[in-house]
Protein backbone atom coordinates (compact mmCIF):
# COMPACT_ATOMS: atom_id res chain seq x y z
CA MET A 1 -22.83 -49.58 33.42
CA ALA A 2 -23.39 -46.12 31.93
CA ARG A 3 -19.72 -45.41 32.26
CA GLU A 4 -19.10 -48.93 29.75
CA THR A 5 -21.61 -47.75 27.29
CA GLY A 6 -19.56 -44.25 27.29
CA ILE A 7 -22.32 -41.92 28.80
CA HIS A 8 -23.10 -40.98 32.14
CA ARG A 9 -24.92 -38.58 34.59
CA ARG A 10 -23.27 -35.98 36.43
CA GLN A 11 -24.47 -34.83 39.80
CA ASP A 12 -23.99 -30.97 38.22
CA SER A 13 -25.65 -31.22 34.88
CA ARG A 14 -29.09 -31.91 34.00
CA PHE A 15 -27.31 -33.58 30.33
CA TRP A 16 -25.74 -36.40 29.76
CA TRP A 17 -22.09 -37.00 29.24
CA ILE A 18 -19.78 -38.52 26.70
CA ASP A 19 -16.72 -40.30 28.18
CA ALA A 20 -15.06 -42.63 25.33
CA VAL A 21 -12.26 -43.42 23.37
CA LEU A 22 -12.91 -43.20 19.71
CA PRO A 23 -11.89 -45.38 17.21
CA ASN A 24 -9.07 -43.33 16.09
CA GLY A 25 -7.56 -43.60 19.58
CA GLU A 26 -9.01 -40.14 20.66
CA ARG A 27 -10.50 -39.40 23.72
CA VAL A 28 -13.79 -37.49 24.22
CA ARG A 29 -15.04 -35.85 27.46
CA GLN A 30 -17.97 -33.47 26.44
CA SER A 31 -21.49 -32.72 27.24
CA ALA A 32 -24.16 -34.45 24.72
CA ARG A 33 -26.14 -31.50 25.46
CA THR A 34 -29.50 -33.36 25.86
CA GLU A 35 -31.28 -35.18 28.57
CA ASP A 36 -32.36 -37.67 26.24
CA ARG A 37 -30.38 -40.90 26.83
CA GLU A 38 -31.25 -42.22 23.52
CA ALA A 39 -30.35 -39.45 21.80
CA ALA A 40 -26.83 -39.10 23.77
CA GLU A 41 -26.51 -43.14 22.94
CA ALA A 42 -27.21 -41.51 18.97
CA TYR A 43 -24.44 -38.83 19.50
CA LEU A 44 -21.91 -41.03 20.36
CA ALA A 45 -22.77 -43.07 17.89
CA GLN A 46 -22.40 -40.91 15.21
CA LEU A 47 -18.78 -39.40 16.96
CA LYS A 48 -17.52 -43.26 16.64
CA LEU A 49 -18.69 -43.67 12.83
CA ALA A 50 -16.83 -40.10 11.71
CA ALA A 51 -13.82 -41.25 14.03
CA TYR A 52 -13.85 -44.52 11.99
CA LYS A 53 -14.15 -43.19 8.60
CA GLU A 54 -11.01 -41.04 9.46
CA ALA A 55 -8.89 -43.80 11.13
CA HIS A 56 -9.76 -46.36 8.35
CA PHE A 57 -10.78 -44.81 5.08
CA GLY A 58 -9.16 -40.87 5.30
CA ILE A 59 -12.71 -39.68 5.45
CA LYS A 60 -12.53 -36.18 7.66
CA PRO A 61 -15.32 -35.41 10.56
CA LYS A 62 -17.62 -33.21 9.54
CA ARG A 63 -16.93 -29.48 10.76
CA SER A 64 -18.86 -26.98 11.60
CA TRP A 65 -18.35 -23.00 11.06
CA GLN A 66 -19.32 -22.72 14.63
CA GLU A 67 -16.79 -25.25 15.96
CA ALA A 68 -14.18 -23.32 13.61
CA VAL A 69 -14.96 -20.01 15.04
CA VAL A 70 -14.75 -21.11 18.56
CA ARG A 71 -10.91 -22.80 17.88
CA TYR A 72 -9.88 -19.62 15.76
CA LEU A 73 -11.01 -16.83 18.80
CA ALA A 74 -9.15 -19.43 20.99
CA LEU A 75 -5.94 -19.04 19.14
CA LYS A 76 -6.41 -15.17 18.55
CA ALA A 77 -7.19 -14.28 21.75
CA ASN A 78 -4.45 -12.37 22.64
CA LEU A 79 -4.24 -9.87 19.57
CA ARG A 80 -5.05 -6.35 20.54
CA SER A 81 -8.11 -6.85 17.94
CA ILE A 82 -9.74 -9.23 19.08
CA GLU A 83 -12.91 -7.62 19.90
CA ASP A 84 -13.11 -6.56 16.15
CA VAL A 85 -12.71 -10.43 15.10
CA ARG A 86 -15.45 -11.11 17.47
CA ARG A 87 -17.94 -8.52 15.98
CA ILE A 88 -16.92 -9.34 12.55
CA CYS A 89 -17.50 -13.63 13.53
CA ARG A 90 -21.04 -12.71 15.13
CA LYS A 91 -22.03 -10.60 11.75
CA LEU A 92 -20.96 -13.63 9.68
CA ASP A 93 -23.04 -16.35 11.92
CA PRO A 94 -26.64 -15.60 9.64
CA TYR A 95 -24.28 -16.19 6.81
CA LEU A 96 -22.27 -19.33 7.84
CA GLY A 97 -22.91 -20.38 11.20
CA HIS A 98 -25.48 -23.33 9.92
CA LEU A 99 -23.02 -24.91 7.69
CA ASN A 100 -20.17 -27.20 7.82
CA LEU A 101 -17.09 -25.84 6.40
CA ASP A 102 -17.19 -28.27 3.35
CA GLU A 103 -20.33 -26.78 2.63
CA ILE A 104 -18.55 -22.70 2.19
CA SER A 105 -18.87 -22.24 -1.49
CA GLY A 106 -18.05 -19.71 -3.73
CA ASP A 107 -21.81 -19.55 -3.87
CA VAL A 108 -21.98 -18.73 -0.19
CA ILE A 109 -19.07 -16.39 -0.50
CA TRP A 110 -20.75 -14.79 -3.18
CA ALA A 111 -24.62 -14.56 -1.01
CA VAL A 112 -22.15 -13.02 2.02
CA VAL A 113 -20.82 -10.08 -0.46
CA GLN A 114 -24.28 -9.49 -1.91
CA GLY A 115 -26.22 -9.21 1.63
CA GLU A 116 -23.79 -6.81 3.14
CA MET A 117 -23.80 -4.92 -0.23
CA LYS A 118 -27.47 -4.48 0.24
CA LYS A 119 -26.80 -3.18 3.95
CA GLY A 120 -25.27 -0.54 2.12
CA ASN A 121 -21.70 -1.53 3.88
CA MET A 122 -18.83 -0.22 1.74
CA PRO A 123 -16.09 -2.65 -0.08
CA ALA A 124 -13.43 -1.79 2.69
CA THR A 125 -15.79 -3.03 4.99
CA ILE A 126 -16.70 -6.26 3.04
CA ASN A 127 -13.04 -6.84 2.47
CA ARG A 128 -12.80 -7.02 6.27
CA TYR A 129 -15.38 -10.10 6.34
CA LEU A 130 -14.36 -11.49 3.53
CA ALA A 131 -10.33 -11.61 4.82
CA THR A 132 -11.86 -13.05 8.23
CA ILE A 133 -13.53 -16.27 6.25
CA ARG A 134 -10.26 -16.49 4.24
CA ALA A 135 -8.12 -16.73 6.80
CA LEU A 136 -10.11 -19.04 9.15
CA LEU A 137 -10.54 -21.46 6.29
CA ARG A 138 -7.04 -21.22 5.62
CA MET A 139 -6.10 -22.35 9.02
CA ALA A 140 -8.32 -24.97 8.92
CA ARG A 141 -7.10 -26.36 6.03
CA ASP A 142 -3.21 -25.84 6.88
CA GLU A 143 -3.26 -26.02 10.30
CA TRP A 144 -5.56 -28.63 11.77
CA GLN A 145 -6.32 -30.54 8.58
CA TRP A 146 -10.14 -30.38 9.00
CA ILE A 147 -10.79 -29.74 5.05
CA ASP A 148 -9.03 -30.15 2.30
CA THR A 149 -9.93 -27.45 -0.02
CA PHE A 150 -11.89 -24.11 0.04
CA PRO A 151 -13.19 -21.53 -2.42
CA LYS A 152 -10.70 -18.87 -3.68
CA ILE A 153 -11.81 -15.94 -1.43
CA ARG A 154 -10.74 -12.42 -4.04
CA LEU A 155 -11.19 -9.21 -1.90
CA LEU A 156 -13.37 -6.59 -3.70
CA PRO A 157 -11.75 -4.43 -5.91
CA GLY A 158 -12.64 -0.31 -5.45
CA GLU A 159 -11.72 0.18 -2.05
CA VAL A 160 -10.91 3.67 -1.25
CA GLU A 161 -7.70 4.30 0.44
CA ARG A 162 -8.64 6.91 3.79
CA ASP A 163 -6.44 9.84 3.02
CA ARG A 164 -8.02 12.24 5.65
CA TRP A 165 -5.19 14.16 7.69
CA LEU A 166 -4.97 17.75 9.58
CA ASN A 167 -2.54 20.88 8.39
CA ARG A 168 -1.08 23.17 11.17
CA GLU A 169 -4.04 24.74 11.38
CA GLU A 170 -6.77 22.58 11.93
CA SER A 171 -4.48 20.76 14.40
CA GLU A 172 -4.31 24.31 16.54
CA ARG A 173 -7.89 24.80 16.41
CA LEU A 174 -8.43 20.80 17.68
CA VAL A 175 -6.09 21.32 20.47
CA ARG A 176 -7.93 24.67 21.42
CA SER A 177 -11.14 22.83 21.20
CA CYS A 178 -10.65 20.02 23.29
CA PRO A 179 -10.47 19.69 27.44
CA ASP A 180 -7.29 19.68 28.60
CA HIS A 181 -7.03 15.96 29.78
CA LEU A 182 -8.26 15.26 25.28
CA ALA A 183 -5.73 18.45 24.38
CA ALA A 184 -2.76 16.65 25.92
CA ILE A 185 -3.56 13.19 23.93
CA VAL A 186 -4.08 14.89 20.86
CA ARG A 187 -0.81 16.94 20.82
CA PHE A 188 1.18 14.00 22.14
CA ALA A 189 -0.28 11.79 19.27
CA LEU A 190 0.56 14.55 17.17
CA ALA A 191 4.08 14.55 17.82
CA THR A 192 4.87 10.84 18.26
CA GLY A 193 2.36 9.04 15.89
CA CYS A 194 1.20 6.60 18.67
CA ARG A 195 -1.66 4.98 18.44
CA ALA A 196 -4.60 5.52 20.99
CA ARG A 197 -4.36 2.72 23.20
CA GLU A 198 -0.67 2.71 23.02
CA ILE A 199 -1.09 6.58 24.54
CA THR A 200 -3.57 5.28 27.30
CA GLY A 201 -1.61 2.54 28.35
CA LEU A 202 1.78 4.82 28.46
CA GLU A 203 3.31 4.38 32.27
CA TRP A 204 5.42 6.20 33.76
CA ASP A 205 8.43 3.49 34.06
CA ARG A 206 8.64 3.08 30.52
CA VAL A 207 9.60 7.12 29.94
CA ASP A 208 12.91 8.01 30.01
CA MET A 209 12.63 11.37 30.06
CA GLN A 210 16.55 12.44 29.82
CA ARG A 211 17.05 10.20 26.76
CA LYS A 212 14.23 11.48 25.35
CA THR A 213 12.42 8.05 24.94
CA ALA A 214 9.19 6.05 25.70
CA TRP A 215 8.91 2.21 25.04
CA ILE A 216 5.96 1.15 24.02
CA ASN A 217 4.75 -2.70 24.99
CA GLN A 218 0.89 -2.19 23.80
CA THR A 219 1.62 -2.14 20.30
CA LYS A 220 -1.02 -3.22 17.55
CA ASN A 221 1.30 -5.84 15.88
CA GLY A 222 2.51 -6.90 19.35
CA THR A 223 6.06 -6.16 18.49
CA PRO A 224 7.57 -3.68 21.48
CA ARG A 225 9.32 -0.84 20.37
CA GLY A 226 10.81 2.58 21.30
CA VAL A 227 9.48 5.67 20.35
CA PRO A 228 11.87 8.78 20.16
CA LEU A 229 10.44 12.12 22.24
CA ASN A 230 10.91 14.95 20.53
CA THR A 231 10.45 18.40 22.19
CA ASP A 232 6.63 18.72 22.00
CA ALA A 233 5.81 15.31 23.40
CA VAL A 234 8.79 16.27 26.08
CA SER A 235 6.64 19.21 27.01
CA VAL A 236 3.37 17.54 26.88
CA LEU A 237 4.78 14.79 28.99
CA ARG A 238 6.23 17.21 31.72
CA GLU A 239 2.96 18.66 32.11
CA GLN A 240 1.37 15.33 33.17
CA ILE A 241 3.94 14.93 35.93
CA GLY A 242 2.11 14.41 39.59
CA LYS A 243 -1.28 13.51 37.97
CA HIS A 244 -0.75 9.97 38.52
CA SER A 245 1.88 7.58 40.06
CA ARG A 246 1.68 4.68 37.16
CA TYR A 247 -0.05 6.48 34.22
CA CYS A 248 1.33 9.14 31.74
CA PHE A 249 -2.28 9.90 30.67
CA THR A 250 -5.15 10.40 32.85
CA TYR A 251 -8.78 11.89 33.55
CA GLN A 252 -9.71 13.12 36.53
CA GLY A 253 -6.69 11.51 38.22
CA GLU A 254 -8.03 8.11 37.06
CA PRO A 255 -6.39 6.10 33.82
CA ILE A 256 -8.34 6.07 30.50
CA ARG A 257 -9.73 2.34 30.01
CA TRP A 258 -12.66 3.92 27.10
CA GLU A 259 -12.71 4.78 23.89
CA LEU A 260 -10.97 8.06 22.75
CA SER A 261 -13.90 9.02 19.94
CA ASN A 262 -16.17 9.40 22.32
CA SER A 263 -18.46 12.52 23.16
CA ALA A 264 -15.30 14.42 23.95
CA TRP A 265 -14.23 13.84 21.12
CA HIS A 266 -16.85 14.51 18.75
CA SER A 267 -17.72 17.81 20.55
CA ALA A 268 -14.30 19.00 20.05
CA LEU A 269 -14.57 18.21 16.50
CA LYS A 270 -17.63 20.23 15.83
CA LYS A 271 -15.99 23.17 17.97
CA ALA A 272 -13.09 23.31 16.29
CA GLY A 273 -15.38 23.23 12.49
CA ILE A 274 -13.85 20.00 11.64
CA GLU A 275 -15.39 17.12 9.66
CA ASP A 276 -15.10 13.22 9.00
CA LEU A 277 -11.72 13.08 11.41
CA ARG A 278 -11.31 9.56 13.45
CA PHE A 279 -8.42 10.08 16.08
CA HIS A 280 -6.42 7.48 14.24
CA ASP A 281 -6.28 9.99 11.74
CA LEU A 282 -4.12 12.09 14.24
CA ARG A 283 -1.35 9.06 13.50
CA HIS A 284 -1.69 9.66 9.49
CA THR A 285 -1.67 13.17 9.91
CA TRP A 286 1.96 13.23 12.24
CA ALA A 287 3.00 10.59 9.01
CA SER A 288 2.20 13.12 6.39
CA TRP A 289 3.85 15.94 8.15
CA HIS A 290 7.01 14.01 8.55
CA ARG A 291 7.22 13.19 4.96
CA GLN A 292 6.76 17.03 3.86
CA ALA A 293 8.93 17.83 6.15
CA GLY A 294 11.69 15.35 4.10
CA THR A 295 11.54 12.45 6.52
CA SER A 296 12.42 9.44 4.53
CA CYS A 297 9.76 6.52 4.15
CA ASP A 298 12.69 4.29 5.78
CA GLU A 299 13.21 6.63 8.73
CA LEU A 300 9.18 6.98 8.94
CA LYS A 301 8.86 3.05 9.05
CA GLU A 302 11.02 2.65 12.29
CA LEU A 303 9.60 5.72 13.38
CA GLY A 304 5.82 4.48 13.28
CA GLY A 305 6.37 1.02 14.08
CA TRP A 306 5.59 -0.33 10.75
CA LYS A 307 6.58 -3.99 10.05
CA SER A 308 6.58 -3.53 6.11
CA ARG A 309 7.25 -0.84 3.48
CA SER A 310 4.41 -1.18 1.78
CA MET A 311 2.29 0.23 4.91
CA VAL A 312 4.56 3.19 4.76
CA ASP A 313 4.79 3.73 0.97
CA ARG A 314 0.95 5.57 0.71
CA TYR A 315 2.68 8.38 2.36
CA ALA A 316 5.42 9.02 -0.09
CA LYS A 317 3.19 11.26 -2.23
CA TYR A 318 3.57 14.03 0.52
CA ALA A 319 7.41 14.39 -0.20
CA THR A 320 8.27 15.65 -3.78
CA GLU A 321 11.42 17.48 -2.87
CA HIS A 322 13.35 14.92 -5.03
CA LEU A 323 11.25 15.35 -7.97
CA ALA A 324 11.65 18.97 -8.20
CA ALA A 325 14.76 18.89 -10.61
CA ALA A 326 12.62 16.71 -12.56
CA ALA A 327 9.81 18.24 -12.81
CA SER A 328 12.22 21.97 -14.03
CA ARG A 329 13.51 20.37 -17.28
CA ILE A 330 10.45 21.57 -18.98
CA GLU A 331 9.91 24.79 -17.54
CA ASN A 332 9.09 27.84 -19.72
CA GLY A 333 12.51 28.91 -21.66
CA GLN A 334 14.24 26.07 -20.38
CA GLY A 335 15.23 24.06 -23.52
CA GLY A 336 16.80 21.21 -22.15
CA ASN A 337 17.75 18.42 -24.27
CA VAL A 338 14.50 18.48 -26.28
CA VAL A 339 14.88 17.56 -29.58
CA LEU A 340 12.81 19.34 -31.71
CA PHE A 341 11.08 17.23 -34.45
CA SER A 342 9.31 18.85 -37.39
CA THR A 343 5.14 17.47 -36.68
CA PHE A 344 3.41 16.52 -40.14
CA SER A 345 1.18 14.26 -41.23
CA PRO A 346 2.01 11.25 -43.89
CA ARG A 347 -1.46 11.85 -45.60
CA GLN A 348 -0.78 15.64 -46.85
CA GLU A 349 2.84 14.79 -47.81
CA LEU A 350 1.11 11.64 -49.78
CA LYS A 351 -0.98 14.69 -51.37
CA LYS A 352 1.97 17.01 -52.08
CA ALA A 353 3.54 13.92 -53.94
């Protein structure tokens, strides 16, 4: 009889369970999350009503922010940055966790902005939250058809682009201040521009010392790429031979499975007298050195594995050689084609007349 009503008990659960076909043809099998039979029946009736409205009147059922987050995280599970996405979703839960998607208005978005500004967060941090909200709502509208519209979400202006890189002398001080395992990783990062996880995950079967090439399969954007190894990078790898049968970079014979910006990193920075430097800034350093050495933006894009040219244009300011000729045109003593116009005031000419 319980099966006929669409709810039943399971031996392995204290809750009532739903097993029913809704008016829109969808079969639902899920926990009612309640021990009260009447409450379970009411929940099933609510599901049937929402499905009937959707099937006959085109009225979409209410979907909550939390439902959307669960599906969104499941779809993004293979991202390298999935932990960052989860962290952002947890940060947004106090603002949005109690709302349905169609209740998220411009005022709600503004409340998120104000709340985070009061915490002292910078525009860059708040923009990551806003970008996550926008991406999730767009997916709910365009792919899942859960909502018809959502408010326009603009990122905050005033986000300051980080511009931190080391000169040669600073990089040498940092390497000298690092313990051996970290010094090798820092040197390899400065030679190749590889990210931290790309380095710690590099395996010997993906390195060809004769061709001076490494193949990175765990990239940030998910696209494997080949990395040409210059003399500095090859030298670092040769020093690691024999330390581990699988991984190129290790600590005390074991693979490195932790974040590199740990106590050893911060101790090295303090010893070297370097402030405000993240490990990822070594990639910025590598790119900045390349541009200063004359590497073109297109070459740098290929070397660094960036998908778009816009990600590389930020480093264009470090190469000014192609503008040297233009700058010299007005050097002292260089007349060039400058026309000698007389400077006069029209008012003064009128008085003379």
